[in-house]
Amino acid sequence: MLRDTSLVVEVSDGSSTSPHLRYASETDEGGRGIFLVSQLAERWGTRFTTTGKIVWAEQPAPSVPVAPALASMT
């Protein structure tokens, strides 16, 4: 997980199969992951590596208030 002005989460696996968006039915046991990511993330994508792939998702990072003691130091 990386945090700057946005929050980026990356998940890797050894498969070279590209994930695709699908609409799972109520009886399907899988196939909802990328659909959920696409609904919750601002952006998402796939990066292929020599050992498989990395699926990443990004959304704006929430602002973190500065503690009063730290604010007086600036």
Protein backbone atom coordinates (compact mmCIF):
# COMPACT_ATOMS: atom_id res chain seq x y z
CA MET A 1 0.00 0.00 0.00
CA LEU A 2 1.36 3.39 -1.00
CA ARG A 3 0.03 6.72 0.28
CA ASP A 4 0.69 10.18 -1.11
CA THR A 5 -2.06 12.36 -2.56
CA SER A 6 -3.74 9.10 -3.47
CA LEU A 7 -3.94 5.66 -1.90
CA VAL A 8 -2.67 2.84 -4.15
CA VAL A 9 -3.17 -0.82 -3.35
CA GLU A 10 -1.39 -3.49 -5.41
CA VAL A 11 -2.01 -7.24 -5.46
CA SER A 12 0.18 -9.66 -7.40
CA ASP A 13 -0.14 -13.24 -8.51
CA GLY A 14 1.68 -15.66 -10.78
CA SER A 15 -1.02 -15.80 -13.45
CA SER A 16 -0.60 -13.99 -16.77
CA THR A 17 -4.37 -13.97 -17.36
CA SER A 18 -5.73 -10.45 -17.63
CA PRO A 19 -8.63 -9.72 -15.26
CA HIS A 20 -11.85 -8.55 -16.87
CA LEU A 21 -15.01 -6.96 -15.60
CA ARG A 22 -17.97 -9.30 -15.38
CA TYR A 23 -21.31 -9.42 -13.68
CA ALA A 24 -21.54 -12.49 -11.48
CA SER A 25 -24.91 -14.07 -10.85
CA GLU A 26 -26.14 -14.88 -7.34
CA THR A 27 -25.04 -18.51 -7.66
CA ASP A 28 -21.50 -17.77 -8.92
CA GLU A 29 -18.81 -18.47 -6.35
CA GLY A 30 -16.29 -16.06 -7.85
CA GLY A 31 -15.87 -13.30 -10.38
CA ARG A 32 -16.78 -10.30 -8.24
CA GLY A 33 -13.33 -8.93 -7.39
CA ILE A 34 -12.65 -6.60 -10.31
CA PHE A 35 -16.30 -5.52 -10.37
CA LEU A 36 -16.04 -4.43 -6.72
CA VAL A 37 -12.70 -2.73 -7.34
CA SER A 38 -14.14 -0.82 -10.31
CA GLN A 39 -17.05 0.40 -8.17
CA LEU A 40 -14.89 1.54 -5.24
CA ALA A 41 -11.68 2.81 -6.87
CA GLU A 42 -11.17 5.97 -8.88
CA ARG A 43 -8.81 4.11 -11.24
CA TRP A 44 -7.51 0.57 -11.57
CA GLY A 45 -5.35 -1.40 -13.95
CA THR A 46 -3.03 -4.31 -14.57
CA ARG A 47 0.73 -4.36 -14.99
CA PHE A 48 2.38 -7.52 -16.27
CA THR A 49 5.73 -8.71 -14.92
CA THR A 50 8.07 -11.55 -15.80
CA THR A 51 6.52 -13.62 -13.00
CA GLY A 52 2.81 -12.82 -13.49
CA LYS A 53 0.80 -9.65 -12.99
CA ILE A 54 0.05 -6.85 -10.57
CA VAL A 55 -3.47 -5.47 -10.27
CA TRP A 56 -3.57 -1.99 -8.78
CA ALA A 57 -6.34 0.31 -7.60
CA GLU A 58 -6.14 4.01 -6.74
CA GLN A 59 -8.36 6.45 -4.93
CA PRO A 60 -7.82 9.89 -3.41
CA ALA A 61 -6.19 9.75 0.01
CA PRO A 62 -8.25 11.26 2.80
CA SER A 63 -6.72 14.37 4.29
CA VAL A 64 -5.14 13.79 7.67
CA PRO A 65 -5.44 16.64 10.17
CA VAL A 66 -2.18 17.86 11.66
CA ALA A 67 -1.93 17.44 15.44
CA PRO A 68 -2.03 20.84 17.24
CA ALA A 69 1.47 20.32 18.74
CA LEU A 70 2.92 19.67 15.26
CA ALA A 71 1.05 22.59 13.69
CA SER A 72 2.78 25.07 16.01
CA MET A 73 6.20 23.80 14.85
CA THR A 74 5.69 24.89 11.25
